[in-house]
Amino acid sequence: MPESPLRIVTRRSPLALWQANHVHEKLRSLHPELAVEVIGVSTEADRFQNKSLASMGGKGAFIKELEQALLSGRADLAVHSMKDVTVEMPEDLALPVILRREDPGDAFVSNHYASLEELPAGARVGTSSLRRRCQIMHARQDLEVCDIRGNVGTRLRKLDEGSYDALVLAASGLHRLALGARITARLDTEQLLPAIGQGALGIETRHGDADVLSLLKALDDEETHICVSAERAVSRRLNGGCLAPVAGFAELRGDRVHIAALVGRPDGTELIRDTISGPADEAEALGAELGERLLQQGADRILRDIMGHDPT
């Protein structure tokens, strides 16, 4: 057991702190004598909530400072929502552990309407996700889908103040913050395909840090790891970057993995979706194949228009 505390770096948002403390508790249950310290940092995405994620380089704005803390030796591990982790990582860092997944789906939250279908024409729906935007707009061109930033509590307050008629949020975040009662309706994956990695927590460490890995390895959930790796393989093949409206979800059915993925235009005018199934031990290869199939069906055009470069 190390003499100095194991240092977990995390964002300071309530949800990120919950996630870090969740890992803290699991580590202490496995290693009762282990000293653990949680270090909170403010990321670019937290400091500039009036700026779009696109202007800050995308989801990497949520984790850049955490990775710098690992690389500099100020922390031993970082806890991330897997939907925020870019598929291309610094070469000196690894993602050896993915915890058992929470609810992977999205939640519809409204004070006045029971479902997405019941929203009247012109209703304002808040989301910061291009993935959600393209799918909502594809189903309901008559809605006004508006950008919203801030932590979960801030978004709910804006809903309660009447700035929005509804929100679409990750169900897992609401459950983790004991806000499950705010969920008006759960959106199944056929209705709204989740973000890649949504609902799963990952632990990032330095490559070759055997002592830290030995403490963490029992936290890895094999089923979740297989599924999230398959989803990330789709994104890697699409090469659309973290700003692209890409969704993907994998699940194990016995010894086979089933993967669904899509790419859409933010205005909802075009949506390309496909699925693939195969042996679970070929999950990453299947994810890459599915990404290639989406490109061949026209996702390359969509991503080129959005990203300004050829994803192939």
C-alpha atoms as a PDB file:
ATOM      1  CA  MET A   1       0.000   0.000   0.000  1.00  0.00           C
ATOM      2  CA  PRO A   2       1.506   3.407  -0.969  1.00  0.00           C
ATOM      3  CA  GLU A   3       2.571   5.652   1.912  1.00  0.00           C
ATOM      4  CA  SER A   4       1.320   8.879   0.318  1.00  0.00           C
ATOM      5  CA  PRO A   5      -2.365   9.380  -0.545  1.00  0.00           C
ATOM      6  CA  LEU A   6      -3.684   8.249  -3.919  1.00  0.00           C
ATOM      7  CA  ARG A   7      -4.661  11.525  -5.599  1.00  0.00           C
ATOM      8  CA  ILE A   8      -7.834  11.702  -7.714  1.00  0.00           C
ATOM      9  CA  VAL A   9      -8.210  14.809  -9.878  1.00  0.00           C
ATOM     10  CA  THR A  10     -11.672  15.934 -10.942  1.00  0.00           C
ATOM     11  CA  ARG A  11     -13.659  18.907 -12.104  1.00  0.00           C
ATOM     12  CA  ARG A  12     -15.405  20.846  -9.336  1.00  0.00           C
ATOM     13  CA  SER A  13     -18.937  20.501 -10.695  1.00  0.00           C
ATOM     14  CA  PRO A  14     -21.352  18.667  -8.382  1.00  0.00           C
ATOM     15  CA  LEU A  15     -21.665  15.720 -10.791  1.00  0.00           C
ATOM     16  CA  ALA A  16     -17.907  15.415 -11.347  1.00  0.00           C
ATOM     17  CA  LEU A  17     -17.283  15.528  -7.588  1.00  0.00           C
ATOM     18  CA  TRP A  18     -19.926  12.826  -7.083  1.00  0.00           C
ATOM     19  CA  GLN A  19     -18.153  10.669  -9.648  1.00  0.00           C
ATOM     20  CA  ALA A  20     -14.728  11.146  -8.038  1.00  0.00           C
ATOM     21  CA  ASN A  21     -16.098  10.413  -4.579  1.00  0.00           C
ATOM     22  CA  HIS A  22     -17.879   7.342  -5.942  1.00  0.00           C
ATOM     23  CA  VAL A  23     -14.504   5.996  -7.101  1.00  0.00           C
ATOM     24  CA  HIS A  24     -12.990   7.058  -3.767  1.00  0.00           C
ATOM     25  CA  GLU A  25     -15.573   5.005  -1.871  1.00  0.00           C
ATOM     26  CA  LYS A  26     -15.081   1.969  -4.100  1.00  0.00           C
ATOM     27  CA  LEU A  27     -11.315   2.131  -3.637  1.00  0.00           C
ATOM     28  CA  ARG A  28     -11.648   2.396   0.137  1.00  0.00           C
ATOM     29  CA  SER A  29     -14.011  -0.594   0.184  1.00  0.00           C
ATOM     30  CA  LEU A  30     -11.394  -2.625  -1.709  1.00  0.00           C
ATOM     31  CA  HIS A  31      -8.406  -1.243   0.209  1.00  0.00           C
ATOM     32  CA  PRO A  32      -9.532  -0.044   3.669  1.00  0.00           C
ATOM     33  CA  GLU A  33      -6.036   1.120   4.612  1.00  0.00           C
ATOM     34  CA  LEU A  34      -5.624   3.230   1.472  1.00  0.00           C
ATOM     35  CA  ALA A  35      -5.445   7.008   1.898  1.00  0.00           C
ATOM     36  CA  VAL A  36      -7.247   8.810  -0.926  1.00  0.00           C
ATOM     37  CA  GLU A  37      -7.301  12.531  -1.710  1.00  0.00           C
ATOM     38  CA  VAL A  38      -9.720  14.202  -4.135  1.00  0.00           C
ATOM     39  CA  ILE A  39      -8.326  17.283  -5.891  1.00  0.00           C
ATOM     40  CA  GLY A  40     -10.822  19.584  -7.599  1.00  0.00           C
ATOM     41  CA  VAL A  41      -9.773  21.759 -10.534  1.00  0.00           C
ATOM     42  CA  SER A  42     -11.604  24.267 -12.680  1.00  0.00           C
ATOM     43  CA  THR A  43     -11.502  23.382 -16.370  1.00  0.00           C
ATOM     44  CA  GLU A  44     -11.847  25.742 -19.326  1.00  0.00           C
ATOM     45  CA  ALA A  45     -15.387  24.484 -19.904  1.00  0.00           C
ATOM     46  CA  ASP A  46     -16.281  25.323 -16.282  1.00  0.00           C
ATOM     47  CA  ARG A  47     -14.702  28.793 -16.318  1.00  0.00           C
ATOM     48  CA  PHE A  48     -16.293  30.000 -19.550  1.00  0.00           C
ATOM     49  CA  GLN A  49     -19.872  28.761 -19.479  1.00  0.00           C
ATOM     50  CA  ASN A  50     -20.980  31.623 -21.720  1.00  0.00           C
ATOM     51  CA  LYS A  51     -18.801  30.259 -24.537  1.00  0.00           C
ATOM     52  CA  SER A  52     -19.780  27.407 -26.826  1.00  0.00           C
ATOM     53  CA  LEU A  53     -17.911  24.119 -26.604  1.00  0.00           C
ATOM     54  CA  ALA A  54     -17.043  24.512 -30.285  1.00  0.00           C
ATOM     55  CA  SER A  55     -15.128  27.735 -29.601  1.00  0.00           C
ATOM     56  CA  MET A  56     -13.088  25.918 -26.932  1.00  0.00           C
ATOM     57  CA  GLY A  57     -12.232  22.929 -29.089  1.00  0.00           C
ATOM     58  CA  GLY A  58     -15.049  20.623 -28.034  1.00  0.00           C
ATOM     59  CA  LYS A  59     -15.321  18.115 -25.221  1.00  0.00           C
ATOM     60  CA  GLY A  60     -11.576  18.184 -24.608  1.00  0.00           C
ATOM     61  CA  ALA A  61     -12.253  21.420 -22.718  1.00  0.00           C
ATOM     62  CA  PHE A  62     -13.740  19.262 -19.933  1.00  0.00           C
ATOM     63  CA  ILE A  63     -10.640  17.110 -19.407  1.00  0.00           C
ATOM     64  CA  LYS A  64      -7.540  18.994 -20.596  1.00  0.00           C
ATOM     65  CA  GLU A  65      -6.597  20.346 -17.164  1.00  0.00           C
ATOM     66  CA  LEU A  66      -7.190  16.932 -15.574  1.00  0.00           C
ATOM     67  CA  GLU A  67      -4.812  15.285 -18.023  1.00  0.00           C
ATOM     68  CA  GLN A  68      -2.226  17.983 -17.389  1.00  0.00           C
ATOM     69  CA  ALA A  69      -2.410  17.182 -13.665  1.00  0.00           C
ATOM     70  CA  LEU A  70      -1.692  13.515 -14.446  1.00  0.00           C
ATOM     71  CA  LEU A  71       1.179  14.296 -16.807  1.00  0.00           C
ATOM     72  CA  SER A  72       2.801  16.693 -14.331  1.00  0.00           C
ATOM     73  CA  GLY A  73       2.556  14.186 -11.463  1.00  0.00           C
ATOM     74  CA  ARG A  74       0.165  16.347  -9.387  1.00  0.00           C
ATOM     75  CA  ALA A  75      -2.432  13.552  -9.511  1.00  0.00           C
ATOM     76  CA  ASP A  76      -2.420   9.771  -9.906  1.00  0.00           C
ATOM     77  CA  LEU A  77      -5.743   9.240 -11.623  1.00  0.00           C
ATOM     78  CA  ALA A  78      -8.607  11.190 -13.159  1.00  0.00           C
ATOM     79  CA  VAL A  79     -12.274  10.211 -13.223  1.00  0.00           C
ATOM     80  CA  HIS A  80     -14.248  11.098 -16.350  1.00  0.00           C
ATOM     81  CA  SER A  81     -17.690  10.673 -17.813  1.00  0.00           C
ATOM     82  CA  MET A  82     -16.769   8.515 -20.792  1.00  0.00           C
ATOM     83  CA  LYS A  83     -18.914  10.641 -23.105  1.00  0.00           C
ATOM     84  CA  ASP A  84     -16.461  13.504 -22.447  1.00  0.00           C
ATOM     85  CA  VAL A  85     -13.292  11.543 -23.253  1.00  0.00           C
ATOM     86  CA  THR A  86     -11.878  12.158 -26.717  1.00  0.00           C
ATOM     87  CA  VAL A  87     -10.980   9.017 -28.673  1.00  0.00           C
ATOM     88  CA  GLU A  88      -7.430  10.258 -29.287  1.00  0.00           C
ATOM     89  CA  MET A  89      -5.607  10.475 -25.958  1.00  0.00           C
ATOM     90  CA  PRO A  90      -2.122  11.713 -24.993  1.00  0.00           C
ATOM     91  CA  GLU A  91       0.374   8.918 -25.635  1.00  0.00           C
ATOM     92  CA  ASP A  92       1.603   8.918 -22.027  1.00  0.00           C
ATOM     93  CA  LEU A  93      -1.891   8.329 -20.615  1.00  0.00           C
ATOM     94  CA  ALA A  94      -4.127   5.253 -20.547  1.00  0.00           C
ATOM     95  CA  LEU A  95      -7.741   4.405 -19.805  1.00  0.00           C
ATOM     96  CA  PRO A  96      -7.416   1.003 -18.119  1.00  0.00           C
ATOM     97  CA  VAL A  97     -10.648   1.015 -16.110  1.00  0.00           C
ATOM     98  CA  ILE A  98     -14.270   1.596 -17.078  1.00  0.00           C
ATOM     99  CA  LEU A  99     -16.761   1.114 -14.278  1.00  0.00           C
ATOM    100  CA  ARG A 100     -20.123  -0.611 -14.585  1.00  0.00           C
ATOM    101  CA  ARG A 101     -22.455   1.535 -16.632  1.00  0.00           C
ATOM    102  CA  GLU A 102     -25.382   3.485 -15.198  1.00  0.00           C
ATOM    103  CA  ASP A 103     -28.489   4.159 -17.288  1.00  0.00           C
ATOM    104  CA  PRO A 104     -27.035   4.992 -20.743  1.00  0.00           C
ATOM    105  CA  GLY A 105     -30.106   6.805 -22.039  1.00  0.00           C
ATOM    106  CA  ASP A 106     -31.346  10.377 -22.213  1.00  0.00           C
ATOM    107  CA  ALA A 107     -34.098  11.879 -20.095  1.00  0.00           C
ATOM    108  CA  PHE A 108     -36.855  14.283 -21.104  1.00  0.00           C
ATOM    109  CA  VAL A 109     -37.427  16.851 -18.352  1.00  0.00           C
ATOM    110  CA  SER A 110     -40.342  19.264 -18.370  1.00  0.00           C
ATOM    111  CA  ASN A 111     -42.622  20.927 -15.850  1.00  0.00           C
ATOM    112  CA  HIS A 112     -45.631  21.107 -18.178  1.00  0.00           C
ATOM    113  CA  TYR A 113     -45.404  18.411 -20.862  1.00  0.00           C
ATOM    114  CA  ALA A 114     -45.319  14.646 -20.471  1.00  0.00           C
ATOM    115  CA  SER A 115     -43.179  13.756 -23.470  1.00  0.00           C
ATOM    116  CA  LEU A 116     -41.239  15.055 -26.427  1.00  0.00           C
ATOM    117  CA  GLU A 117     -44.223  14.211 -28.621  1.00  0.00           C
ATOM    118  CA  GLU A 118     -46.563  16.361 -26.514  1.00  0.00           C
ATOM    119  CA  LEU A 119     -44.523  19.542 -26.861  1.00  0.00           C
ATOM    120  CA  PRO A 120     -46.411  22.162 -28.872  1.00  0.00           C
ATOM    121  CA  ALA A 121     -44.974  23.645 -32.058  1.00  0.00           C
ATOM    122  CA  GLY A 122     -42.393  26.302 -31.258  1.00  0.00           C
ATOM    123  CA  ALA A 123     -41.578  24.899 -27.807  1.00  0.00           C
ATOM    124  CA  ARG A 124     -38.031  25.620 -26.615  1.00  0.00           C
ATOM    125  CA  VAL A 125     -35.920  22.535 -25.847  1.00  0.00           C
ATOM    126  CA  GLY A 126     -32.571  23.083 -24.125  1.00  0.00           C
ATOM    127  CA  THR A 127     -29.520  20.969 -24.943  1.00  0.00           C
ATOM    128  CA  SER A 128     -25.823  21.644 -25.544  1.00  0.00           C
ATOM    129  CA  SER A 129     -25.422  18.502 -27.655  1.00  0.00           C
ATOM    130  CA  LEU A 130     -25.382  18.470 -31.469  1.00  0.00           C
ATOM    131  CA  ARG A 131     -26.153  14.747 -31.219  1.00  0.00           C
ATOM    132  CA  ARG A 132     -29.393  15.447 -29.375  1.00  0.00           C
ATOM    133  CA  ARG A 133     -30.176  18.457 -31.541  1.00  0.00           C
ATOM    134  CA  CYS A 134     -29.993  16.543 -34.834  1.00  0.00           C
ATOM    135  CA  GLN A 135     -32.177  13.689 -33.577  1.00  0.00           C
ATOM    136  CA  ILE A 136     -34.783  15.959 -31.965  1.00  0.00           C
ATOM    137  CA  MET A 137     -34.939  18.169 -35.051  1.00  0.00           C
ATOM    138  CA  HIS A 138     -35.199  15.120 -37.308  1.00  0.00           C
ATOM    139  CA  ALA A 139     -38.280  13.986 -35.363  1.00  0.00           C
ATOM    140  CA  ARG A 140     -39.750  17.455 -34.711  1.00  0.00           C
ATOM    141  CA  GLN A 141     -38.779  20.191 -37.171  1.00  0.00           C
ATOM    142  CA  ASP A 142     -41.365  22.444 -35.508  1.00  0.00           C
ATOM    143  CA  LEU A 143     -39.443  22.705 -32.219  1.00  0.00           C
ATOM    144  CA  GLU A 144     -36.906  25.366 -31.280  1.00  0.00           C
ATOM    145  CA  VAL A 145     -33.844  23.502 -30.031  1.00  0.00           C
ATOM    146  CA  CYS A 146     -31.706  25.961 -28.056  1.00  0.00           C
ATOM    147  CA  ASP A 147     -28.178  25.749 -26.706  1.00  0.00           C
ATOM    148  CA  ILE A 148     -27.816  25.581 -22.925  1.00  0.00           C
ATOM    149  CA  ARG A 149     -24.633  25.465 -20.843  1.00  0.00           C
ATOM    150  CA  GLY A 150     -23.963  25.005 -17.135  1.00  0.00           C
ATOM    151  CA  ASN A 151     -24.095  22.124 -14.685  1.00  0.00           C
ATOM    152  CA  VAL A 152     -27.219  20.052 -14.130  1.00  0.00           C
ATOM    153  CA  GLY A 153     -28.508  22.296 -11.341  1.00  0.00           C
ATOM    154  CA  THR A 154     -28.057  25.437 -13.440  1.00  0.00           C
ATOM    155  CA  ARG A 155     -29.944  23.893 -16.345  1.00  0.00           C
ATOM    156  CA  LEU A 156     -32.831  22.795 -14.135  1.00  0.00           C
ATOM    157  CA  ARG A 157     -33.045  26.282 -12.640  1.00  0.00           C
ATOM    158  CA  LYS A 158     -33.291  27.805 -16.120  1.00  0.00           C
ATOM    159  CA  LEU A 159     -36.103  25.361 -16.909  1.00  0.00           C
ATOM    160  CA  ASP A 160     -37.917  26.276 -13.696  1.00  0.00           C
ATOM    161  CA  GLU A 161     -37.535  29.985 -14.475  1.00  0.00           C
ATOM    162  CA  GLY A 162     -39.333  29.447 -17.783  1.00  0.00           C
ATOM    163  CA  SER A 163     -36.408  29.966 -20.154  1.00  0.00           C
ATOM    164  CA  TYR A 164     -37.123  26.550 -21.694  1.00  0.00           C
ATOM    165  CA  ASP A 165     -40.177  24.339 -22.081  1.00  0.00           C
ATOM    166  CA  ALA A 166     -38.114  21.165 -21.726  1.00  0.00           C
ATOM    167  CA  LEU A 167     -34.581  19.860 -21.349  1.00  0.00           C
ATOM    168  CA  VAL A 168     -32.922  16.701 -22.568  1.00  0.00           C
ATOM    169  CA  LEU A 169     -30.240  15.477 -20.150  1.00  0.00           C
ATOM    170  CA  ALA A 170     -28.330  12.279 -19.497  1.00  0.00           C
ATOM    171  CA  ALA A 171     -30.438  10.079 -17.221  1.00  0.00           C
ATOM    172  CA  SER A 172     -27.315   8.840 -15.421  1.00  0.00           C
ATOM    173  CA  GLY A 173     -26.349  12.312 -14.241  1.00  0.00           C
ATOM    174  CA  LEU A 174     -29.786  12.950 -12.789  1.00  0.00           C
ATOM    175  CA  HIS A 175     -29.779   9.612 -10.969  1.00  0.00           C
ATOM    176  CA  ARG A 176     -26.275  10.165  -9.589  1.00  0.00           C
ATOM    177  CA  LEU A 177     -27.273  13.555  -8.191  1.00  0.00           C
ATOM    178  CA  ALA A 178     -30.441  12.090  -6.612  1.00  0.00           C
ATOM    179  CA  LEU A 179     -32.539  14.079  -9.092  1.00  0.00           C
ATOM    180  CA  GLY A 180     -34.242  11.118 -10.716  1.00  0.00           C
ATOM    181  CA  ALA A 181     -37.615  12.520  -9.664  1.00  0.00           C
ATOM    182  CA  ARG A 182     -37.105  15.332 -12.183  1.00  0.00           C
ATOM    183  CA  ILE A 183     -37.203  12.865 -15.086  1.00  0.00           C
ATOM    184  CA  THR A 184     -40.520  13.273 -16.878  1.00  0.00           C
ATOM    185  CA  ALA A 185     -39.890  10.502 -19.401  1.00  0.00           C
ATOM    186  CA  ARG A 186     -36.973   8.305 -20.305  1.00  0.00           C
ATOM    187  CA  LEU A 187     -36.065   8.384 -23.991  1.00  0.00           C
ATOM    188  CA  ASP A 188     -35.200   4.897 -25.215  1.00  0.00           C
ATOM    189  CA  THR A 189     -32.300   4.316 -27.580  1.00  0.00           C
ATOM    190  CA  GLU A 190     -34.614   3.916 -30.578  1.00  0.00           C
ATOM    191  CA  GLN A 191     -36.017   7.378 -29.928  1.00  0.00           C
ATOM    192  CA  LEU A 192     -32.725   9.094 -29.096  1.00  0.00           C
ATOM    193  CA  LEU A 193     -29.449   7.227 -29.549  1.00  0.00           C
ATOM    194  CA  PRO A 194     -27.069   8.124 -26.683  1.00  0.00           C
ATOM    195  CA  ALA A 195     -23.654   9.724 -26.807  1.00  0.00           C
ATOM    196  CA  ILE A 196     -20.736   7.358 -27.153  1.00  0.00           C
ATOM    197  CA  GLY A 197     -19.775   6.226 -23.645  1.00  0.00           C
ATOM    198  CA  GLN A 198     -22.793   7.841 -21.989  1.00  0.00           C
ATOM    199  CA  GLY A 199     -23.563   6.521 -18.507  1.00  0.00           C
ATOM    200  CA  ALA A 200     -20.086   5.026 -17.991  1.00  0.00           C
ATOM    201  CA  LEU A 201     -17.250   6.355 -15.851  1.00  0.00           C
ATOM    202  CA  GLY A 202     -13.637   5.895 -16.894  1.00  0.00           C
ATOM    203  CA  ILE A 203     -10.434   6.135 -14.893  1.00  0.00           C
ATOM    204  CA  GLU A 204      -7.420   7.640 -16.648  1.00  0.00           C
ATOM    205  CA  THR A 205      -3.867   7.005 -15.425  1.00  0.00           C
ATOM    206  CA  ARG A 206      -0.300   7.368 -16.605  1.00  0.00           C
ATOM    207  CA  HIS A 207       0.992   4.587 -18.843  1.00  0.00           C
ATOM    208  CA  GLY A 208       3.042   2.051 -16.940  1.00  0.00           C
ATOM    209  CA  ASP A 209       1.944   3.131 -13.457  1.00  0.00           C
ATOM    210  CA  ALA A 210       1.752  -0.450 -12.211  1.00  0.00           C
ATOM    211  CA  ASP A 211       1.184   0.447  -8.547  1.00  0.00           C
ATOM    212  CA  VAL A 212      -1.881   2.554  -9.337  1.00  0.00           C
ATOM    213  CA  LEU A 213      -3.237  -0.006 -11.800  1.00  0.00           C
ATOM    214  CA  SER A 214      -2.957  -2.778  -9.219  1.00  0.00           C
ATOM    215  CA  LEU A 215      -5.236  -0.766  -6.918  1.00  0.00           C
ATOM    216  CA  LEU A 216      -7.758   0.003  -9.657  1.00  0.00           C
ATOM    217  CA  LYS A 217      -8.044  -3.134 -11.772  1.00  0.00           C
ATOM    218  CA  ALA A 218     -10.822  -4.736  -9.715  1.00  0.00           C
ATOM    219  CA  LEU A 219     -13.071  -1.756 -10.538  1.00  0.00           C
ATOM    220  CA  ASP A 220     -13.088  -2.520 -14.257  1.00  0.00           C
ATOM    221  CA  ASP A 221     -16.379  -3.925 -15.560  1.00  0.00           C
ATOM    222  CA  GLU A 222     -15.634  -6.203 -18.501  1.00  0.00           C
ATOM    223  CA  GLU A 223     -19.051  -5.915 -20.155  1.00  0.00           C
ATOM    224  CA  THR A 224     -19.082  -2.114 -20.001  1.00  0.00           C
ATOM    225  CA  HIS A 225     -15.469  -1.959 -21.174  1.00  0.00           C
ATOM    226  CA  ILE A 226     -16.264  -4.071 -24.236  1.00  0.00           C
ATOM    227  CA  CYS A 227     -19.317  -1.990 -25.128  1.00  0.00           C
ATOM    228  CA  VAL A 228     -17.685   1.403 -24.639  1.00  0.00           C
ATOM    229  CA  SER A 229     -14.606   0.294 -26.585  1.00  0.00           C
ATOM    230  CA  ALA A 230     -16.878  -0.698 -29.476  1.00  0.00           C
ATOM    231  CA  GLU A 231     -18.637   2.669 -29.390  1.00  0.00           C
ATOM    232  CA  ARG A 232     -15.340   4.551 -29.317  1.00  0.00           C
ATOM    233  CA  ALA A 233     -14.134   2.518 -32.296  1.00  0.00           C
ATOM    234  CA  VAL A 234     -17.098   3.855 -34.294  1.00  0.00           C
ATOM    235  CA  SER A 235     -16.140   7.428 -33.410  1.00  0.00           C
ATOM    236  CA  ARG A 236     -12.464   6.810 -34.163  1.00  0.00           C
ATOM    237  CA  ARG A 237     -13.270   5.527 -37.659  1.00  0.00           C
ATOM    238  CA  LEU A 238     -15.596   8.451 -38.364  1.00  0.00           C
ATOM    239  CA  ASN A 239     -12.804  10.840 -37.360  1.00  0.00           C
ATOM    240  CA  GLY A 240     -15.389  13.541 -36.942  1.00  0.00           C
ATOM    241  CA  GLY A 241     -13.994  14.962 -33.741  1.00  0.00           C
ATOM    242  CA  CYS A 242     -15.844  15.612 -30.517  1.00  0.00           C
ATOM    243  CA  LEU A 243     -18.011  18.351 -32.039  1.00  0.00           C
ATOM    244  CA  ALA A 244     -19.627  16.107 -34.637  1.00  0.00           C
ATOM    245  CA  PRO A 245     -23.270  14.986 -34.226  1.00  0.00           C
ATOM    246  CA  VAL A 246     -22.375  11.316 -33.746  1.00  0.00           C
ATOM    247  CA  ALA A 247     -24.199   8.821 -31.519  1.00  0.00           C
ATOM    248  CA  GLY A 248     -23.469   5.217 -30.685  1.00  0.00           C
ATOM    249  CA  PHE A 249     -24.579   2.524 -28.285  1.00  0.00           C
ATOM    250  CA  ALA A 250     -23.409  -1.059 -27.842  1.00  0.00           C
ATOM    251  CA  GLU A 251     -24.837  -3.831 -25.704  1.00  0.00           C
ATOM    252  CA  LEU A 252     -23.907  -7.439 -25.091  1.00  0.00           C
ATOM    253  CA  ARG A 253     -26.434 -10.159 -25.829  1.00  0.00           C
ATOM    254  CA  GLY A 254     -24.859 -13.366 -24.609  1.00  0.00           C
ATOM    255  CA  ASP A 255     -21.499 -13.694 -26.312  1.00  0.00           C
ATOM    256  CA  ARG A 256     -22.415 -11.246 -29.087  1.00  0.00           C
ATOM    257  CA  VAL A 257     -22.276  -7.478 -29.214  1.00  0.00           C
ATOM    258  CA  HIS A 258     -24.919  -5.360 -30.940  1.00  0.00           C
ATOM    259  CA  ILE A 259     -23.901  -1.813 -31.952  1.00  0.00           C
ATOM    260  CA  ALA A 260     -26.075   1.008 -33.281  1.00  0.00           C
ATOM    261  CA  ALA A 261     -24.650   4.321 -34.480  1.00  0.00           C
ATOM    262  CA  LEU A 262     -25.679   7.408 -36.400  1.00  0.00           C
ATOM    263  CA  VAL A 263     -24.452  10.649 -37.883  1.00  0.00           C
ATOM    264  CA  GLY A 264     -26.808  13.543 -38.560  1.00  0.00           C
ATOM    265  CA  ARG A 265     -26.940  17.132 -39.701  1.00  0.00           C
ATOM    266  CA  PRO A 266     -27.503  19.539 -36.771  1.00  0.00           C
ATOM    267  CA  ASP A 267     -30.687  20.868 -38.394  1.00  0.00           C
ATOM    268  CA  GLY A 268     -32.147  17.353 -38.537  1.00  0.00           C
ATOM    269  CA  THR A 269     -32.573  17.327 -42.311  1.00  0.00           C
ATOM    270  CA  GLU A 270     -30.441  14.207 -42.775  1.00  0.00           C
ATOM    271  CA  LEU A 271     -29.834  11.288 -40.431  1.00  0.00           C
ATOM    272  CA  ILE A 272     -27.819   8.184 -41.300  1.00  0.00           C
ATOM    273  CA  ARG A 273     -28.193   5.237 -38.917  1.00  0.00           C
ATOM    274  CA  ASP A 274     -27.010   1.632 -39.097  1.00  0.00           C
ATOM    275  CA  THR A 275     -26.392  -1.374 -36.852  1.00  0.00           C
ATOM    276  CA  ILE A 276     -23.996  -4.293 -36.712  1.00  0.00           C
ATOM    277  CA  SER A 277     -23.712  -7.460 -34.615  1.00  0.00           C
ATOM    278  CA  GLY A 278     -20.973 -10.005 -34.086  1.00  0.00           C
ATOM    279  CA  PRO A 279     -18.779 -11.833 -31.566  1.00  0.00           C
ATOM    280  CA  ALA A 280     -18.038  -9.829 -28.434  1.00  0.00           C
ATOM    281  CA  ASP A 281     -14.316 -10.514 -28.746  1.00  0.00           C
ATOM    282  CA  GLU A 282     -14.383  -8.601 -32.045  1.00  0.00           C
ATOM    283  CA  ALA A 283     -16.208  -5.582 -30.602  1.00  0.00           C
ATOM    284  CA  GLU A 284     -13.678  -2.913 -31.590  1.00  0.00           C
ATOM    285  CA  ALA A 285     -13.289  -4.260 -35.125  1.00  0.00           C
ATOM    286  CA  LEU A 286     -17.074  -4.312 -35.483  1.00  0.00           C
ATOM    287  CA  GLY A 287     -17.290  -0.725 -34.271  1.00  0.00           C
ATOM    288  CA  ALA A 288     -14.725   0.336 -36.858  1.00  0.00           C
ATOM    289  CA  GLU A 289     -16.636  -1.553 -39.556  1.00  0.00           C
ATOM    290  CA  LEU A 290     -19.865   0.167 -38.574  1.00  0.00           C
ATOM    291  CA  GLY A 291     -18.144   3.549 -38.760  1.00  0.00           C
ATOM    292  CA  GLU A 292     -16.903   2.671 -42.255  1.00  0.00           C
ATOM    293  CA  ARG A 293     -20.407   1.668 -43.314  1.00  0.00           C
ATOM    294  CA  LEU A 294     -21.797   5.009 -42.123  1.00  0.00           C
ATOM    295  CA  LEU A 295     -19.135   6.830 -44.121  1.00  0.00           C
ATOM    296  CA  GLN A 296     -20.032   4.832 -47.219  1.00  0.00           C
ATOM    297  CA  GLN A 297     -23.714   5.701 -46.759  1.00  0.00           C
ATOM    298  CA  GLY A 298     -23.025   9.444 -46.752  1.00  0.00           C
ATOM    299  CA  ALA A 299     -21.757  10.324 -43.279  1.00  0.00           C
ATOM    300  CA  ASP A 300     -18.538  11.499 -44.944  1.00  0.00           C
ATOM    301  CA  ARG A 301     -20.486  14.302 -46.677  1.00  0.00           C
ATOM    302  CA  ILE A 302     -22.147  15.384 -43.440  1.00  0.00           C
ATOM    303  CA  LEU A 303     -18.913  15.395 -41.454  1.00  0.00           C
ATOM    304  CA  ARG A 304     -17.022  17.181 -44.243  1.00  0.00           C
ATOM    305  CA  ASP A 305     -19.652  19.934 -44.311  1.00  0.00           C
ATOM    306  CA  ILE A 306     -19.600  20.301 -40.508  1.00  0.00           C
ATOM    307  CA  MET A 307     -15.893  19.800 -39.765  1.00  0.00           C
ATOM    308  CA  GLY A 308     -14.428  21.297 -42.910  1.00  0.00           C
ATOM    309  CA  HIS A 309     -12.220  18.300 -43.700  1.00  0.00           C
ATOM    310  CA  ASP A 310     -12.581  14.818 -45.144  1.00  0.00           C
ATOM    311  CA  PRO A 311     -13.107  12.264 -42.300  1.00  0.00           C
ATOM    312  CA  THR A 312     -11.731   9.433 -44.431  1.00  0.00           C
END
